[in-house]
Amino acid sequence: MSADNCPQLIDSKGTYPLNAAERLGNFGLTSAICSPETAMHKSRLGTIIIDCRTDDIDAAARFWSQALGVSHEEPPTDPADAAYRALEMPEGEVKVLVQQVEHPSRVHIDIETDDIEAEVKRLEALGATRVAQVKRWWVMEAPTGQRFCVVRPQRSTFEADANVWP
């Protein structure tokens, strides 16, 4: 099988040095595991996002950082990220973002994955539905109504800690 039949895997530095076929080929497993029928991908809980309907995202970030006993990062310099503030969580804990939104305030999760389309299809098979594609990710809805996002890997420990799916 060619390397094109397997998804890219992220390393601890957030880069994609080898795809799964190249890695598995080192063990003679490429044809058995990386066929179009059995291509694998990974996913896991990536981020908890606190959606805040507010005109002052910095005040919201101050509140949540104090409520959780952590500090928050300075406002981002990239205007595309102006609606987000990252809380500085301890090493190994899930990432937490405060996000300025126009819809009612709520909390949602991001599921991070190395293959967004494969993960969306896996979640659809479990009963989730696609709501909207936004930038590089999908907003989905669980069968019970909660909204969540499927995004690219966000944390450096993704490869070591993610679930592997056929």
N, C-alpha and C. Protein backbone atom coordinates (compact mmCIF):
# COMPACT_ATOMS: atom_id res chain seq x y z
N MET A 1 0.83 -1.18 0.00
CA MET A 1 0.00 0.00 0.00
C MET A 1 0.88 1.24 0.00
N SER A 2 0.35 2.29 -0.54
CA SER A 2 1.12 3.52 -0.58
C SER A 2 0.93 4.28 0.72
N ALA A 3 1.82 5.23 0.95
CA ALA A 3 1.74 6.05 2.15
C ALA A 3 0.53 6.96 2.10
N ASP A 4 -0.09 7.15 0.93
CA ASP A 4 -1.25 8.02 0.81
C ASP A 4 -2.49 7.46 1.49
N ASN A 5 -2.50 6.19 1.83
CA ASN A 5 -3.68 5.58 2.44
C ASN A 5 -3.73 5.76 3.95
N CYS A 6 -2.72 6.35 4.57
CA CYS A 6 -2.70 6.53 6.01
C CYS A 6 -2.68 8.01 6.36
N PRO A 7 -3.31 8.39 7.49
CA PRO A 7 -3.28 9.79 7.90
C PRO A 7 -1.91 10.19 8.43
N GLN A 8 -1.68 11.50 8.47
CA GLN A 8 -0.47 12.03 9.07
C GLN A 8 -0.58 11.93 10.58
N LEU A 9 0.52 11.65 11.26
CA LEU A 9 0.54 11.60 12.71
C LEU A 9 1.40 12.75 13.21
N ILE A 10 0.95 13.40 14.27
CA ILE A 10 1.67 14.55 14.81
C ILE A 10 2.68 14.07 15.86
N ASP A 11 3.83 14.72 15.91
CA ASP A 11 4.79 14.34 16.93
C ASP A 11 4.71 15.31 18.11
N SER A 12 5.54 15.12 19.12
CA SER A 12 5.46 15.92 20.34
C SER A 12 5.83 17.38 20.11
N LYS A 13 6.41 17.72 18.96
CA LYS A 13 6.75 19.10 18.64
C LYS A 13 5.69 19.76 17.78
N GLY A 14 4.60 19.03 17.50
CA GLY A 14 3.53 19.59 16.70
C GLY A 14 3.78 19.54 15.21
N THR A 15 4.73 18.73 14.78
CA THR A 15 5.03 18.62 13.36
C THR A 15 4.60 17.25 12.85
N TYR A 16 4.63 17.10 11.55
CA TYR A 16 4.19 15.85 10.91
C TYR A 16 5.38 15.23 10.15
N PRO A 17 6.35 14.64 10.86
CA PRO A 17 7.55 14.14 10.20
C PRO A 17 7.32 12.90 9.34
N LEU A 18 6.41 12.05 9.74
CA LEU A 18 6.13 10.81 9.02
C LEU A 18 4.64 10.56 9.03
N ASN A 19 4.13 10.00 7.97
CA ASN A 19 2.73 9.59 8.07
C ASN A 19 2.68 8.19 8.66
N ALA A 20 1.48 7.73 8.96
CA ALA A 20 1.34 6.43 9.62
C ALA A 20 1.93 5.30 8.80
N ALA A 21 1.78 5.37 7.48
CA ALA A 21 2.31 4.30 6.63
C ALA A 21 3.82 4.22 6.76
N GLU A 22 4.50 5.38 6.79
CA GLU A 22 5.95 5.37 6.92
C GLU A 22 6.36 4.82 8.27
N ARG A 23 5.65 5.21 9.34
CA ARG A 23 5.98 4.72 10.68
C ARG A 23 5.72 3.23 10.79
N LEU A 24 4.55 2.79 10.35
CA LEU A 24 4.21 1.38 10.46
C LEU A 24 5.05 0.53 9.53
N GLY A 25 5.50 1.11 8.40
CA GLY A 25 6.35 0.38 7.47
C GLY A 25 7.65 -0.05 8.12
N ASN A 26 8.09 0.72 9.11
CA ASN A 26 9.30 0.36 9.84
C ASN A 26 9.14 -0.97 10.56
N PHE A 27 7.88 -1.38 10.80
CA PHE A 27 7.61 -2.64 11.49
C PHE A 27 7.00 -3.67 10.55
N GLY A 28 6.97 -3.38 9.25
CA GLY A 28 6.41 -4.31 8.29
C GLY A 28 4.90 -4.43 8.37
N LEU A 29 4.22 -3.41 8.90
CA LEU A 29 2.78 -3.49 9.11
C LEU A 29 1.97 -2.65 8.13
N THR A 30 2.62 -1.94 7.25
CA THR A 30 1.91 -0.99 6.40
C THR A 30 0.76 -1.61 5.62
N SER A 31 0.99 -2.69 4.91
CA SER A 31 -0.08 -3.24 4.08
C SER A 31 -1.21 -3.83 4.91
N ALA A 32 -0.92 -4.32 6.09
CA ALA A 32 -1.96 -4.92 6.91
C ALA A 32 -2.84 -3.88 7.59
N ILE A 33 -2.29 -2.72 7.92
CA ILE A 33 -3.03 -1.74 8.71
C ILE A 33 -3.44 -0.52 7.89
N CYS A 34 -2.65 -0.10 6.93
CA CYS A 34 -2.90 1.16 6.24
C CYS A 34 -3.50 0.95 4.86
N SER A 35 -4.49 0.12 4.76
CA SER A 35 -5.22 -0.01 3.51
C SER A 35 -6.35 0.99 3.53
N PRO A 36 -6.96 1.29 2.38
CA PRO A 36 -8.08 2.24 2.39
C PRO A 36 -9.20 1.79 3.32
N GLU A 37 -9.37 0.49 3.50
CA GLU A 37 -10.44 -0.01 4.35
C GLU A 37 -10.12 0.12 5.83
N THR A 38 -8.84 0.18 6.20
CA THR A 38 -8.48 0.15 7.61
C THR A 38 -7.58 1.30 8.03
N ALA A 39 -7.53 2.38 7.26
CA ALA A 39 -6.70 3.51 7.63
C ALA A 39 -7.09 3.98 9.04
N MET A 40 -6.10 4.33 9.86
CA MET A 40 -6.33 4.69 11.25
C MET A 40 -6.22 6.19 11.44
N HIS A 41 -6.89 6.69 12.46
CA HIS A 41 -6.69 8.07 12.88
C HIS A 41 -6.76 8.10 14.40
N LYS A 42 -6.39 9.25 14.97
CA LYS A 42 -6.36 9.42 16.42
C LYS A 42 -7.24 10.61 16.81
N SER A 43 -7.75 10.57 18.04
CA SER A 43 -8.47 11.72 18.58
C SER A 43 -8.50 11.64 20.10
N ARG A 44 -8.82 12.78 20.73
CA ARG A 44 -8.97 12.86 22.18
C ARG A 44 -9.58 14.21 22.54
N LEU A 45 -9.99 14.35 23.81
CA LEU A 45 -10.42 15.65 24.31
C LEU A 45 -9.25 16.61 24.18
N GLY A 46 -9.46 17.73 23.52
CA GLY A 46 -8.37 18.66 23.30
C GLY A 46 -8.45 19.91 24.15
N THR A 47 -9.63 20.55 24.19
CA THR A 47 -9.76 21.84 24.84
C THR A 47 -11.16 22.00 25.41
N ILE A 48 -11.25 22.68 26.53
CA ILE A 48 -12.52 23.15 27.06
C ILE A 48 -12.59 24.64 26.73
N ILE A 49 -13.66 25.05 26.06
CA ILE A 49 -13.80 26.44 25.65
C ILE A 49 -14.96 27.05 26.42
N ILE A 50 -14.68 28.14 27.11
CA ILE A 50 -15.71 28.86 27.86
C ILE A 50 -16.17 30.00 26.94
N ASP A 51 -17.35 29.81 26.33
CA ASP A 51 -17.92 30.82 25.43
C ASP A 51 -18.56 31.92 26.26
N CYS A 52 -18.14 33.17 26.01
CA CYS A 52 -18.64 34.30 26.79
C CYS A 52 -19.25 35.35 25.87
N ARG A 53 -20.53 35.60 26.08
CA ARG A 53 -21.20 36.68 25.36
C ARG A 53 -20.90 37.95 26.14
N THR A 54 -19.90 38.67 25.68
CA THR A 54 -19.40 39.83 26.42
C THR A 54 -18.75 40.82 25.46
N ASP A 55 -18.69 42.08 25.88
CA ASP A 55 -17.95 43.09 25.13
C ASP A 55 -16.53 43.22 25.66
N ASP A 56 -16.23 42.55 26.79
CA ASP A 56 -14.91 42.67 27.42
C ASP A 56 -14.33 41.27 27.67
N ILE A 57 -13.70 40.72 26.65
CA ILE A 57 -13.13 39.37 26.76
C ILE A 57 -12.01 39.31 27.80
N ASP A 58 -11.30 40.42 27.98
CA ASP A 58 -10.23 40.44 28.99
C ASP A 58 -10.79 40.32 30.40
N ALA A 59 -11.92 40.97 30.67
CA ALA A 59 -12.56 40.84 31.98
C ALA A 59 -13.04 39.40 32.19
N ALA A 60 -13.58 38.79 31.14
CA ALA A 60 -14.02 37.39 31.25
C ALA A 60 -12.82 36.48 31.52
N ALA A 61 -11.71 36.71 30.83
CA ALA A 61 -10.51 35.90 31.06
C ALA A 61 -9.98 36.09 32.47
N ARG A 62 -10.02 37.33 33.00
CA ARG A 62 -9.59 37.57 34.38
C ARG A 62 -10.46 36.78 35.35
N PHE A 63 -11.79 36.83 35.15
CA PHE A 63 -12.68 36.10 36.04
C PHE A 63 -12.35 34.61 36.03
N TRP A 64 -12.30 34.01 34.83
CA TRP A 64 -12.09 32.57 34.75
C TRP A 64 -10.70 32.15 35.24
N SER A 65 -9.70 32.97 35.00
CA SER A 65 -8.37 32.62 35.50
C SER A 65 -8.35 32.66 37.03
N GLN A 66 -9.02 33.65 37.62
CA GLN A 66 -9.09 33.72 39.08
C GLN A 66 -9.96 32.59 39.65
N ALA A 67 -11.06 32.28 38.96
CA ALA A 67 -11.95 31.22 39.43
C ALA A 67 -11.23 29.87 39.44
N LEU A 68 -10.35 29.64 38.44
CA LEU A 68 -9.65 28.36 38.33
C LEU A 68 -8.26 28.39 38.98
N GLY A 69 -7.85 29.54 39.49
CA GLY A 69 -6.57 29.64 40.18
C GLY A 69 -5.37 29.56 39.26
N VAL A 70 -5.50 30.10 38.06
CA VAL A 70 -4.40 30.11 37.09
C VAL A 70 -4.29 31.52 36.51
N SER A 71 -3.21 31.76 35.79
CA SER A 71 -3.09 33.05 35.11
C SER A 71 -3.61 32.90 33.68
N HIS A 72 -3.71 34.02 32.98
CA HIS A 72 -4.11 33.96 31.58
C HIS A 72 -3.09 34.68 30.74
N GLU A 73 -3.00 34.26 29.50
CA GLU A 73 -2.02 34.85 28.59
C GLU A 73 -2.45 36.25 28.18
N GLU A 74 -1.49 37.04 27.73
CA GLU A 74 -1.78 38.37 27.21
C GLU A 74 -2.62 38.24 25.94
N PRO A 75 -3.35 39.29 25.58
CA PRO A 75 -4.13 39.23 24.34
C PRO A 75 -3.22 38.87 23.16
N PRO A 76 -3.73 38.07 22.24
CA PRO A 76 -2.92 37.66 21.09
C PRO A 76 -2.62 38.85 20.18
N THR A 77 -1.51 38.75 19.47
CA THR A 77 -1.14 39.83 18.55
C THR A 77 -1.79 39.67 17.18
N ASP A 78 -2.19 38.45 16.84
CA ASP A 78 -2.85 38.19 15.56
C ASP A 78 -4.33 38.57 15.67
N PRO A 79 -4.79 39.52 14.85
CA PRO A 79 -6.20 39.93 14.91
C PRO A 79 -7.18 38.78 14.70
N ALA A 80 -6.79 37.74 13.99
CA ALA A 80 -7.67 36.58 13.77
C ALA A 80 -7.95 35.84 15.07
N ASP A 81 -7.10 36.03 16.08
CA ASP A 81 -7.26 35.35 17.37
C ASP A 81 -7.76 36.29 18.47
N ALA A 82 -8.23 37.48 18.10
CA ALA A 82 -8.61 38.50 19.09
C ALA A 82 -9.74 38.06 20.01
N ALA A 83 -10.56 37.12 19.61
CA ALA A 83 -11.69 36.68 20.42
C ALA A 83 -11.31 35.61 21.44
N TYR A 84 -10.05 35.22 21.51
CA TYR A 84 -9.62 34.13 22.38
C TYR A 84 -8.63 34.60 23.43
N ARG A 85 -8.72 34.00 24.63
CA ARG A 85 -7.71 34.17 25.67
C ARG A 85 -7.45 32.78 26.23
N ALA A 86 -6.18 32.39 26.25
CA ALA A 86 -5.79 31.09 26.79
C ALA A 86 -5.50 31.21 28.28
N LEU A 87 -6.01 30.27 29.05
CA LEU A 87 -5.65 30.19 30.46
C LEU A 87 -4.42 29.31 30.56
N GLU A 88 -3.51 29.65 31.44
CA GLU A 88 -2.25 28.92 31.56
C GLU A 88 -2.42 27.77 32.55
N MET A 89 -2.87 26.65 32.02
CA MET A 89 -3.14 25.48 32.85
C MET A 89 -1.83 24.75 33.17
N PRO A 90 -1.80 24.04 34.29
CA PRO A 90 -0.60 23.27 34.63
C PRO A 90 -0.29 22.23 33.55
N GLU A 91 0.98 21.89 33.42
CA GLU A 91 1.43 20.88 32.46
C GLU A 91 0.64 19.60 32.62
N GLY A 92 0.19 19.05 31.52
CA GLY A 92 -0.53 17.79 31.53
C GLY A 92 -2.04 17.93 31.68
N GLU A 93 -2.53 19.11 32.03
CA GLU A 93 -3.98 19.31 32.14
C GLU A 93 -4.55 19.74 30.80
N VAL A 94 -5.83 19.56 30.65
CA VAL A 94 -6.50 19.93 29.41
C VAL A 94 -6.38 21.44 29.19
N LYS A 95 -6.30 21.83 27.94
CA LYS A 95 -6.21 23.24 27.56
C LYS A 95 -7.56 23.91 27.80
N VAL A 96 -7.56 25.15 28.30
CA VAL A 96 -8.79 25.91 28.52
C VAL A 96 -8.66 27.25 27.84
N LEU A 97 -9.67 27.59 27.02
CA LEU A 97 -9.73 28.88 26.35
C LEU A 97 -10.98 29.62 26.77
N VAL A 98 -10.89 30.95 26.82
CA VAL A 98 -12.05 31.81 26.99
C VAL A 98 -12.27 32.44 25.62
N GLN A 99 -13.49 32.36 25.10
CA GLN A 99 -13.79 32.82 23.75
C GLN A 99 -14.95 33.82 23.78
N GLN A 100 -14.76 34.95 23.12
CA GLN A 100 -15.83 35.93 22.96
C GLN A 100 -16.75 35.48 21.84
N VAL A 101 -18.06 35.39 22.12
CA VAL A 101 -19.03 34.90 21.14
C VAL A 101 -20.24 35.81 21.08
N GLU A 102 -21.06 35.62 20.05
CA GLU A 102 -22.31 36.37 19.92
C GLU A 102 -23.52 35.55 20.37
N HIS A 103 -23.38 34.23 20.46
CA HIS A 103 -24.48 33.39 20.93
C HIS A 103 -24.48 33.38 22.45
N PRO A 104 -25.52 32.82 23.08
CA PRO A 104 -25.54 32.78 24.56
C PRO A 104 -24.30 32.08 25.13
N SER A 105 -23.89 32.54 26.29
CA SER A 105 -22.72 31.96 26.96
C SER A 105 -22.97 30.50 27.28
N ARG A 106 -21.94 29.69 27.14
CA ARG A 106 -21.99 28.26 27.44
C ARG A 106 -20.56 27.73 27.45
N VAL A 107 -20.41 26.48 27.72
CA VAL A 107 -19.11 25.81 27.67
C VAL A 107 -19.22 24.71 26.62
N HIS A 108 -18.17 24.56 25.82
CA HIS A 108 -18.14 23.44 24.87
C HIS A 108 -16.75 22.83 24.86
N ILE A 109 -16.65 21.64 24.28
CA ILE A 109 -15.35 20.98 24.19
C ILE A 109 -14.90 20.91 22.74
N ASP A 110 -13.60 20.78 22.57
CA ASP A 110 -13.00 20.46 21.27
C ASP A 110 -12.45 19.06 21.35
N ILE A 111 -12.72 18.28 20.32
CA ILE A 111 -12.07 16.98 20.16
C ILE A 111 -10.97 17.19 19.13
N GLU A 112 -9.73 16.95 19.52
CA GLU A 112 -8.63 17.13 18.59
C GLU A 112 -8.33 15.82 17.89
N THR A 113 -7.95 15.93 16.60
CA THR A 113 -7.72 14.74 15.79
C THR A 113 -6.68 15.01 14.71
N ASP A 114 -6.05 13.94 14.27
CA ASP A 114 -5.09 14.07 13.16
C ASP A 114 -5.77 13.90 11.81
N ASP A 115 -7.07 13.59 11.79
CA ASP A 115 -7.82 13.43 10.54
C ASP A 115 -9.25 13.89 10.80
N ILE A 116 -9.51 15.17 10.53
CA ILE A 116 -10.80 15.76 10.87
C ILE A 116 -11.95 15.02 10.19
N GLU A 117 -11.86 14.76 8.90
CA GLU A 117 -12.96 14.10 8.19
C GLU A 117 -13.23 12.71 8.74
N ALA A 118 -12.19 11.93 9.01
CA ALA A 118 -12.39 10.58 9.56
C ALA A 118 -13.04 10.65 10.94
N GLU A 119 -12.63 11.60 11.76
CA GLU A 119 -13.21 11.72 13.10
C GLU A 119 -14.67 12.17 13.00
N VAL A 120 -14.97 13.12 12.11
CA VAL A 120 -16.36 13.56 11.94
C VAL A 120 -17.23 12.38 11.51
N LYS A 121 -16.75 11.58 10.59
CA LYS A 121 -17.51 10.40 10.15
C LYS A 121 -17.70 9.40 11.30
N ARG A 122 -16.68 9.21 12.12
CA ARG A 122 -16.78 8.30 13.27
C ARG A 122 -17.86 8.80 14.23
N LEU A 123 -17.86 10.10 14.49
CA LEU A 123 -18.84 10.68 15.41
C LEU A 123 -20.25 10.67 14.82
N GLU A 124 -20.36 10.85 13.51
CA GLU A 124 -21.67 10.74 12.86
C GLU A 124 -22.23 9.32 13.02
N ALA A 125 -21.35 8.33 12.92
CA ALA A 125 -21.79 6.94 13.10
C ALA A 125 -22.30 6.69 14.52
N LEU A 126 -21.84 7.51 15.46
CA LEU A 126 -22.30 7.41 16.85
C LEU A 126 -23.58 8.21 17.09
N GLY A 127 -24.01 8.99 16.09
CA GLY A 127 -25.25 9.75 16.22
C GLY A 127 -25.10 11.25 16.19
N ALA A 128 -23.88 11.78 16.13
CA ALA A 128 -23.68 13.23 16.06
C ALA A 128 -24.03 13.73 14.66
N THR A 129 -24.30 15.03 14.56
CA THR A 129 -24.59 15.64 13.26
C THR A 129 -23.68 16.84 13.04
N ARG A 130 -23.37 17.08 11.77
CA ARG A 130 -22.58 18.26 11.40
C ARG A 130 -23.50 19.49 11.47
N VAL A 131 -22.98 20.56 12.05
CA VAL A 131 -23.73 21.81 12.13
C VAL A 131 -23.16 22.82 11.14
N ALA A 132 -21.85 23.04 11.20
CA ALA A 132 -21.22 24.02 10.31
C ALA A 132 -19.72 23.80 10.27
N GLN A 133 -19.13 24.08 9.12
CA GLN A 133 -17.69 24.09 9.02
C GLN A 133 -17.23 25.53 9.23
N VAL A 134 -16.29 25.73 10.16
CA VAL A 134 -15.79 27.05 10.50
C VAL A 134 -14.27 27.02 10.35
N LYS A 135 -13.74 27.88 9.52
CA LYS A 135 -12.30 27.93 9.28
C LYS A 135 -11.77 26.53 8.97
N ARG A 136 -11.00 25.94 9.92
CA ARG A 136 -10.37 24.63 9.70
C ARG A 136 -11.03 23.52 10.51
N TRP A 137 -12.20 23.73 11.10
CA TRP A 137 -12.80 22.72 11.95
C TRP A 137 -14.30 22.58 11.68
N TRP A 138 -14.88 21.54 12.28
CA TRP A 138 -16.32 21.29 12.19
C TRP A 138 -16.97 21.52 13.55
N VAL A 139 -18.10 22.22 13.54
CA VAL A 139 -18.98 22.30 14.70
C VAL A 139 -19.97 21.15 14.54
N MET A 140 -20.14 20.37 15.60
CA MET A 140 -21.05 19.23 15.56
C MET A 140 -22.01 19.30 16.74
N GLU A 141 -23.05 18.47 16.66
CA GLU A 141 -24.01 18.40 17.75
C GLU A 141 -24.19 16.95 18.15
N ALA A 142 -24.08 16.69 19.46
CA ALA A 142 -24.29 15.34 19.99
C ALA A 142 -25.77 14.99 19.90
N PRO A 143 -26.10 13.71 19.95
CA PRO A 143 -27.50 13.31 19.90
C PRO A 143 -28.34 13.96 21.01
N THR A 144 -27.70 14.36 22.10
CA THR A 144 -28.40 14.99 23.23
C THR A 144 -28.40 16.51 23.17
N GLY A 145 -27.90 17.08 22.05
CA GLY A 145 -28.00 18.52 21.82
C GLY A 145 -26.79 19.37 22.12
N GLN A 146 -25.77 18.83 22.78
CA GLN A 146 -24.59 19.64 23.08
C GLN A 146 -23.77 19.88 21.81
N ARG A 147 -23.29 21.08 21.66
CA ARG A 147 -22.42 21.41 20.54
C ARG A 147 -20.96 21.18 20.95
N PHE A 148 -20.15 20.75 20.01
CA PHE A 148 -18.72 20.57 20.22
C PHE A 148 -18.01 20.75 18.88
N CYS A 149 -16.70 20.88 18.92
CA CYS A 149 -15.93 21.09 17.69
C CYS A 149 -14.93 19.96 17.50
N VAL A 150 -14.64 19.67 16.23
CA VAL A 150 -13.60 18.71 15.87
C VAL A 150 -12.51 19.52 15.20
N VAL A 151 -11.32 19.52 15.81
CA VAL A 151 -10.23 20.41 15.42
C VAL A 151 -8.93 19.63 15.20
N ARG A 152 -7.95 20.31 14.63
CA ARG A 152 -6.62 19.71 14.49
C ARG A 152 -5.96 19.63 15.87
N PRO A 153 -4.90 18.81 16.01
CA PRO A 153 -4.24 18.68 17.31
C PRO A 153 -3.82 20.04 17.89
N GLN A 154 -4.08 20.21 19.18
CA GLN A 154 -3.80 21.46 19.88
C GLN A 154 -2.68 21.35 20.92
N ARG A 155 -2.45 20.15 21.42
CA ARG A 155 -1.47 19.98 22.50
C ARG A 155 -0.33 19.08 22.05
N SER A 156 0.84 19.33 22.58
CA SER A 156 2.05 18.60 22.17
C SER A 156 2.01 17.12 22.55
N THR A 157 1.17 16.73 23.49
CA THR A 157 1.12 15.34 23.92
C THR A 157 0.07 14.53 23.15
N PHE A 158 -0.46 15.11 22.08
CA PHE A 158 -1.52 14.46 21.32
C PHE A 158 -1.16 13.04 20.90
N GLU A 159 -0.06 12.87 20.22
CA GLU A 159 0.28 11.55 19.68
C GLU A 159 0.41 10.50 20.76
N ALA A 160 1.02 10.85 21.86
CA ALA A 160 1.25 9.86 22.92
C ALA A 160 -0.04 9.50 23.66
N ASP A 161 -0.99 10.44 23.76
CA ASP A 161 -2.15 10.24 24.62
C ASP A 161 -3.47 10.01 23.88
N ALA A 162 -3.49 10.17 22.57
CA ALA A 162 -4.75 10.08 21.82
C ALA A 162 -5.22 8.64 21.66
N ASN A 163 -6.53 8.48 21.50
CA ASN A 163 -7.12 7.19 21.17
C ASN A 163 -6.86 6.90 19.71
N VAL A 164 -6.67 5.64 19.36
CA VAL A 164 -6.45 5.23 17.96
C VAL A 164 -7.72 4.55 17.48
N TRP A 165 -8.21 5.00 16.31
CA TRP A 165 -9.45 4.48 15.74
C TRP A 165 -9.19 3.89 14.37
N PRO A 166 -9.86 2.80 14.03
CA PRO A 166 -9.72 2.25 12.66
C PRO A 166 -10.47 3.10 11.65
